[in-house]
Amino acid sequence: MAIENVREYFKQYNMEDRILEFAVSSATVELAAAALNCEPMRIAKSLSFLVEGQPVLVVTAGDAKVDNAKFKAQFKTKAKMLGPEEAESLVGHAVGGVCPFAVKAGVSVYLDEALKRFETVFPACGSSNSAIELTIGELEQYSDYSAWVDVCKGWN
């Protein structure tokens, strides 16, 4: 199960106890915000795409939406999200629990500028009922991100 991979990943940093698991679903921004009793914008959603045949994750704020023109300018291709089966097989996490931790080899992670306005955010941890609260610095450190990007709209 993907959450076990994420737990094992965080164990090397003695952070596995910070993973939160809920009795309710946190598979969408709205459900995660309700489970965490926080504003939806603070949910760090991980969106999966295929860029030049490789899986790419864009982690962005819960209130942000992908801007197709910005995405194409950044990645030189149209934004086309992976389907549920593709996400699980290429990224290693099922939709609803996709996160930038313990991903399969070859997955590139990008952090969207929309996240920078928060002290802490809540990405999922590999299941549809989990999350972890991280500072932006911790998100940078543990996501093994490639770069900050500006590919979203609707948040500023």
C-alpha atoms as a PDB file:
ATOM      1  CA  MET A   1       0.000   0.000   0.000  1.00  0.00           C
ATOM      2  CA  ALA A   2       1.322   3.436  -0.936  1.00  0.00           C
ATOM      3  CA  ILE A   3       0.849   4.923   2.541  1.00  0.00           C
ATOM      4  CA  GLU A   4       3.208   2.258   3.904  1.00  0.00           C
ATOM      5  CA  ASN A   5       5.821   3.346   1.335  1.00  0.00           C
ATOM      6  CA  VAL A   6       5.373   6.969   2.433  1.00  0.00           C
ATOM      7  CA  ARG A   7       5.578   5.979   6.108  1.00  0.00           C
ATOM      8  CA  GLU A   8       8.796   4.080   5.380  1.00  0.00           C
ATOM      9  CA  TYR A   9      10.118   7.080   3.428  1.00  0.00           C
ATOM     10  CA  PHE A  10       9.491   9.456   6.342  1.00  0.00           C
ATOM     11  CA  LYS A  11      10.946   6.949   8.828  1.00  0.00           C
ATOM     12  CA  GLN A  12      14.463   7.803   7.611  1.00  0.00           C
ATOM     13  CA  TYR A  13      13.848  11.354   8.862  1.00  0.00           C
ATOM     14  CA  ASN A  14      12.106  10.232  12.092  1.00  0.00           C
ATOM     15  CA  MET A  15       8.935  11.910  10.806  1.00  0.00           C
ATOM     16  CA  GLU A  16       6.611   8.950  10.281  1.00  0.00           C
ATOM     17  CA  ASP A  17       4.673   9.892  13.446  1.00  0.00           C
ATOM     18  CA  ARG A  18       3.677  13.206  11.835  1.00  0.00           C
ATOM     19  CA  ILE A  19       1.542  11.416   9.225  1.00  0.00           C
ATOM     20  CA  LEU A  20      -2.121  11.940  10.010  1.00  0.00           C
ATOM     21  CA  GLU A  21      -4.675   9.264   9.155  1.00  0.00           C
ATOM     22  CA  PHE A  22      -8.396   9.969   9.202  1.00  0.00           C
ATOM     23  CA  ALA A  23     -11.506   7.864   9.723  1.00  0.00           C
ATOM     24  CA  VAL A  24     -13.010   9.804   6.799  1.00  0.00           C
ATOM     25  CA  SER A  25     -11.881  10.336   3.219  1.00  0.00           C
ATOM     26  CA  SER A  26      -9.447  13.126   2.380  1.00  0.00           C
ATOM     27  CA  ALA A  27      -9.384  12.262  -1.328  1.00  0.00           C
ATOM     28  CA  THR A  28     -10.425  15.724  -2.537  1.00  0.00           C
ATOM     29  CA  VAL A  29      -9.396  19.216  -1.485  1.00  0.00           C
ATOM     30  CA  GLU A  30     -12.777  19.789   0.166  1.00  0.00           C
ATOM     31  CA  LEU A  31     -12.752  16.457   2.036  1.00  0.00           C
ATOM     32  CA  ALA A  32      -9.143  16.952   3.164  1.00  0.00           C
ATOM     33  CA  ALA A  33      -9.890  20.463   4.422  1.00  0.00           C
ATOM     34  CA  ALA A  34     -12.887  19.141   6.370  1.00  0.00           C
ATOM     35  CA  ALA A  35     -10.839  16.266   7.858  1.00  0.00           C
ATOM     36  CA  LEU A  36      -8.075  18.691   8.873  1.00  0.00           C
ATOM     37  CA  ASN A  37     -10.379  21.560   9.859  1.00  0.00           C
ATOM     38  CA  CYS A  38      -8.363  23.983   7.720  1.00  0.00           C
ATOM     39  CA  GLU A  39      -8.930  26.240   4.727  1.00  0.00           C
ATOM     40  CA  PRO A  40      -9.099  24.331   1.411  1.00  0.00           C
ATOM     41  CA  MET A  41      -6.365  26.552  -0.059  1.00  0.00           C
ATOM     42  CA  ARG A  42      -3.831  25.043   2.409  1.00  0.00           C
ATOM     43  CA  ILE A  43      -4.271  21.549   0.967  1.00  0.00           C
ATOM     44  CA  ALA A  44      -1.226  20.829  -1.206  1.00  0.00           C
ATOM     45  CA  LYS A  45      -2.735  18.862  -4.065  1.00  0.00           C
ATOM     46  CA  SER A  46      -0.441  16.833  -6.304  1.00  0.00           C
ATOM     47  CA  LEU A  47      -1.528  16.834  -9.941  1.00  0.00           C
ATOM     48  CA  SER A  48       0.007  14.243 -12.278  1.00  0.00           C
ATOM     49  CA  PHE A  49       0.820  14.816 -15.947  1.00  0.00           C
ATOM     50  CA  LEU A  50       2.827  13.226 -18.747  1.00  0.00           C
ATOM     51  CA  VAL A  51       5.569  15.474 -20.154  1.00  0.00           C
ATOM     52  CA  GLU A  52       7.754  14.091 -22.951  1.00  0.00           C
ATOM     53  CA  GLY A  53       6.706  10.583 -21.974  1.00  0.00           C
ATOM     54  CA  GLN A  54       7.686  11.031 -18.320  1.00  0.00           C
ATOM     55  CA  PRO A  55       5.401  11.418 -15.287  1.00  0.00           C
ATOM     56  CA  VAL A  56       5.459  14.864 -13.694  1.00  0.00           C
ATOM     57  CA  LEU A  57       3.825  16.002 -10.456  1.00  0.00           C
ATOM     58  CA  VAL A  58       2.838  19.608  -9.920  1.00  0.00           C
ATOM     59  CA  VAL A  59       2.113  20.293  -6.255  1.00  0.00           C
ATOM     60  CA  THR A  60      -0.100  23.343  -5.866  1.00  0.00           C
ATOM     61  CA  ALA A  61      -2.501  25.007  -3.460  1.00  0.00           C
ATOM     62  CA  GLY A  62      -6.030  23.701  -3.037  1.00  0.00           C
ATOM     63  CA  ASP A  63      -7.591  26.809  -4.570  1.00  0.00           C
ATOM     64  CA  ALA A  64      -5.314  26.925  -7.631  1.00  0.00           C
ATOM     65  CA  LYS A  65      -6.174  25.610 -11.082  1.00  0.00           C
ATOM     66  CA  VAL A  66      -3.761  24.761 -13.870  1.00  0.00           C
ATOM     67  CA  ASP A  67      -3.425  27.567 -16.391  1.00  0.00           C
ATOM     68  CA  ASN A  68      -3.044  25.831 -19.755  1.00  0.00           C
ATOM     69  CA  ALA A  69      -1.018  28.641 -21.351  1.00  0.00           C
ATOM     70  CA  LYS A  70       1.401  28.855 -18.399  1.00  0.00           C
ATOM     71  CA  PHE A  71       1.727  25.054 -18.303  1.00  0.00           C
ATOM     72  CA  LYS A  72       2.534  24.909 -22.023  1.00  0.00           C
ATOM     73  CA  ALA A  73       5.067  27.747 -21.680  1.00  0.00           C
ATOM     74  CA  GLN A  74       6.785  25.918 -18.800  1.00  0.00           C
ATOM     75  CA  PHE A  75       6.705  22.325 -20.061  1.00  0.00           C
ATOM     76  CA  LYS A  76       6.430  22.841 -23.858  1.00  0.00           C
ATOM     77  CA  THR A  77       3.381  20.583 -24.050  1.00  0.00           C
ATOM     78  CA  LYS A  78      -0.354  20.690 -23.397  1.00  0.00           C
ATOM     79  CA  ALA A  79      -1.467  19.967 -19.828  1.00  0.00           C
ATOM     80  CA  LYS A  80      -3.015  16.500 -19.915  1.00  0.00           C
ATOM     81  CA  MET A  81      -3.594  14.888 -16.548  1.00  0.00           C
ATOM     82  CA  LEU A  82      -2.915  11.193 -16.093  1.00  0.00           C
ATOM     83  CA  GLY A  83      -5.906   8.913 -15.728  1.00  0.00           C
ATOM     84  CA  PRO A  84      -6.374   7.008 -12.451  1.00  0.00           C
ATOM     85  CA  GLU A  85      -4.702   3.816 -13.726  1.00  0.00           C
ATOM     86  CA  GLU A  86      -1.803   5.761 -15.254  1.00  0.00           C
ATOM     87  CA  ALA A  87      -1.251   7.777 -12.074  1.00  0.00           C
ATOM     88  CA  GLU A  88      -1.023   4.676  -9.920  1.00  0.00           C
ATOM     89  CA  SER A  89       1.225   2.732 -12.304  1.00  0.00           C
ATOM     90  CA  LEU A  90       3.543   5.617 -13.257  1.00  0.00           C
ATOM     91  CA  VAL A  91       3.644   7.651 -10.026  1.00  0.00           C
ATOM     92  CA  GLY A  92       3.033   4.930  -7.451  1.00  0.00           C
ATOM     93  CA  HIS A  93       0.030   6.472  -5.695  1.00  0.00           C
ATOM     94  CA  ALA A  94      -3.675   6.183  -6.429  1.00  0.00           C
ATOM     95  CA  VAL A  95      -5.716   9.285  -7.244  1.00  0.00           C
ATOM     96  CA  GLY A  96      -6.934  10.734  -3.959  1.00  0.00           C
ATOM     97  CA  GLY A  97      -3.628   9.980  -2.270  1.00  0.00           C
ATOM     98  CA  VAL A  98      -1.106  11.201  -4.851  1.00  0.00           C
ATOM     99  CA  CYS A  99       1.776  12.964  -3.118  1.00  0.00           C
ATOM    100  CA  PRO A 100       5.390  13.892  -3.873  1.00  0.00           C
ATOM    101  CA  PHE A 101       6.858  11.367  -1.403  1.00  0.00           C
ATOM    102  CA  ALA A 102       8.023   7.809  -2.142  1.00  0.00           C
ATOM    103  CA  VAL A 103       7.209   8.155  -5.835  1.00  0.00           C
ATOM    104  CA  LYS A 104       8.493   5.809  -8.508  1.00  0.00           C
ATOM    105  CA  ALA A 105      11.848   6.438 -10.167  1.00  0.00           C
ATOM    106  CA  GLY A 106      11.661   8.910 -13.035  1.00  0.00           C
ATOM    107  CA  VAL A 107       8.871  11.049 -11.554  1.00  0.00           C
ATOM    108  CA  SER A 108       9.775  14.754 -11.534  1.00  0.00           C
ATOM    109  CA  VAL A 109       8.208  16.956  -8.855  1.00  0.00           C
ATOM    110  CA  TYR A 110       7.523  20.676  -9.302  1.00  0.00           C
ATOM    111  CA  LEU A 111       6.175  23.032  -6.654  1.00  0.00           C
ATOM    112  CA  ASP A 112       3.815  25.763  -7.802  1.00  0.00           C
ATOM    113  CA  GLU A 113       4.234  29.368  -6.640  1.00  0.00           C
ATOM    114  CA  ALA A 114       0.682  29.306  -5.215  1.00  0.00           C
ATOM    115  CA  LEU A 115       2.070  27.421  -2.187  1.00  0.00           C
ATOM    116  CA  LYS A 116       4.549  30.120  -1.174  1.00  0.00           C
ATOM    117  CA  ARG A 117       1.911  32.239   0.556  1.00  0.00           C
ATOM    118  CA  PHE A 118       1.524  29.716   3.405  1.00  0.00           C
ATOM    119  CA  GLU A 119       3.714  28.851   6.382  1.00  0.00           C
ATOM    120  CA  THR A 120       2.494  25.247   6.329  1.00  0.00           C
ATOM    121  CA  VAL A 121       0.540  23.095   3.890  1.00  0.00           C
ATOM    122  CA  PHE A 122      -1.012  19.625   3.970  1.00  0.00           C
ATOM    123  CA  PRO A 123      -0.040  17.184   1.199  1.00  0.00           C
ATOM    124  CA  ALA A 124      -1.490  13.661   1.126  1.00  0.00           C
ATOM    125  CA  CYS A 125       0.626  10.689   2.165  1.00  0.00           C
ATOM    126  CA  GLY A 126      -0.215   7.996  -0.364  1.00  0.00           C
ATOM    127  CA  SER A 127      -3.775   7.133   0.669  1.00  0.00           C
ATOM    128  CA  SER A 128      -7.202   8.720   0.370  1.00  0.00           C
ATOM    129  CA  ASN A 129      -7.368   9.324   4.142  1.00  0.00           C
ATOM    130  CA  SER A 130      -3.952  10.734   5.053  1.00  0.00           C
ATOM    131  CA  ALA A 131      -1.961  13.959   5.164  1.00  0.00           C
ATOM    132  CA  ILE A 132       1.073  15.542   6.773  1.00  0.00           C
ATOM    133  CA  GLU A 133       1.578  19.153   7.816  1.00  0.00           C
ATOM    134  CA  LEU A 134       4.833  20.543   6.426  1.00  0.00           C
ATOM    135  CA  THR A 135       6.448  23.946   6.270  1.00  0.00           C
ATOM    136  CA  ILE A 136       7.314  25.121   2.767  1.00  0.00           C
ATOM    137  CA  GLY A 137      10.981  24.407   3.544  1.00  0.00           C
ATOM    138  CA  GLU A 138      10.100  20.863   4.623  1.00  0.00           C
ATOM    139  CA  LEU A 139       8.006  20.381   1.487  1.00  0.00           C
ATOM    140  CA  GLU A 140      11.019  21.429  -0.579  1.00  0.00           C
ATOM    141  CA  GLN A 141      13.306  19.091   1.351  1.00  0.00           C
ATOM    142  CA  TYR A 142      11.148  15.967   1.422  1.00  0.00           C
ATOM    143  CA  SER A 143       9.544  16.232  -2.024  1.00  0.00           C
ATOM    144  CA  ASP A 144      12.938  16.170  -3.769  1.00  0.00           C
ATOM    145  CA  TYR A 145      11.477  18.801  -6.091  1.00  0.00           C
ATOM    146  CA  SER A 146      13.084  19.836  -9.384  1.00  0.00           C
ATOM    147  CA  ALA A 147      12.018  23.499  -9.402  1.00  0.00           C
ATOM    148  CA  TRP A 148       9.439  26.072  -8.421  1.00  0.00           C
ATOM    149  CA  VAL A 149       7.054  26.807 -11.303  1.00  0.00           C
ATOM    150  CA  ASP A 150       4.227  29.249 -11.990  1.00  0.00           C
ATOM    151  CA  VAL A 151       1.638  27.187 -13.892  1.00  0.00           C
ATOM    152  CA  CYS A 152      -1.577  27.905 -11.978  1.00  0.00           C
ATOM    153  CA  LYS A 153      -4.281  30.545 -11.819  1.00  0.00           C
ATOM    154  CA  GLY A 154      -7.226  31.487  -9.651  1.00  0.00           C
ATOM    155  CA  TRP A 155      -5.380  31.852  -6.377  1.00  0.00           C
ATOM    156  CA  ASN A 156      -3.930  35.388  -6.380  1.00  0.00           C
END
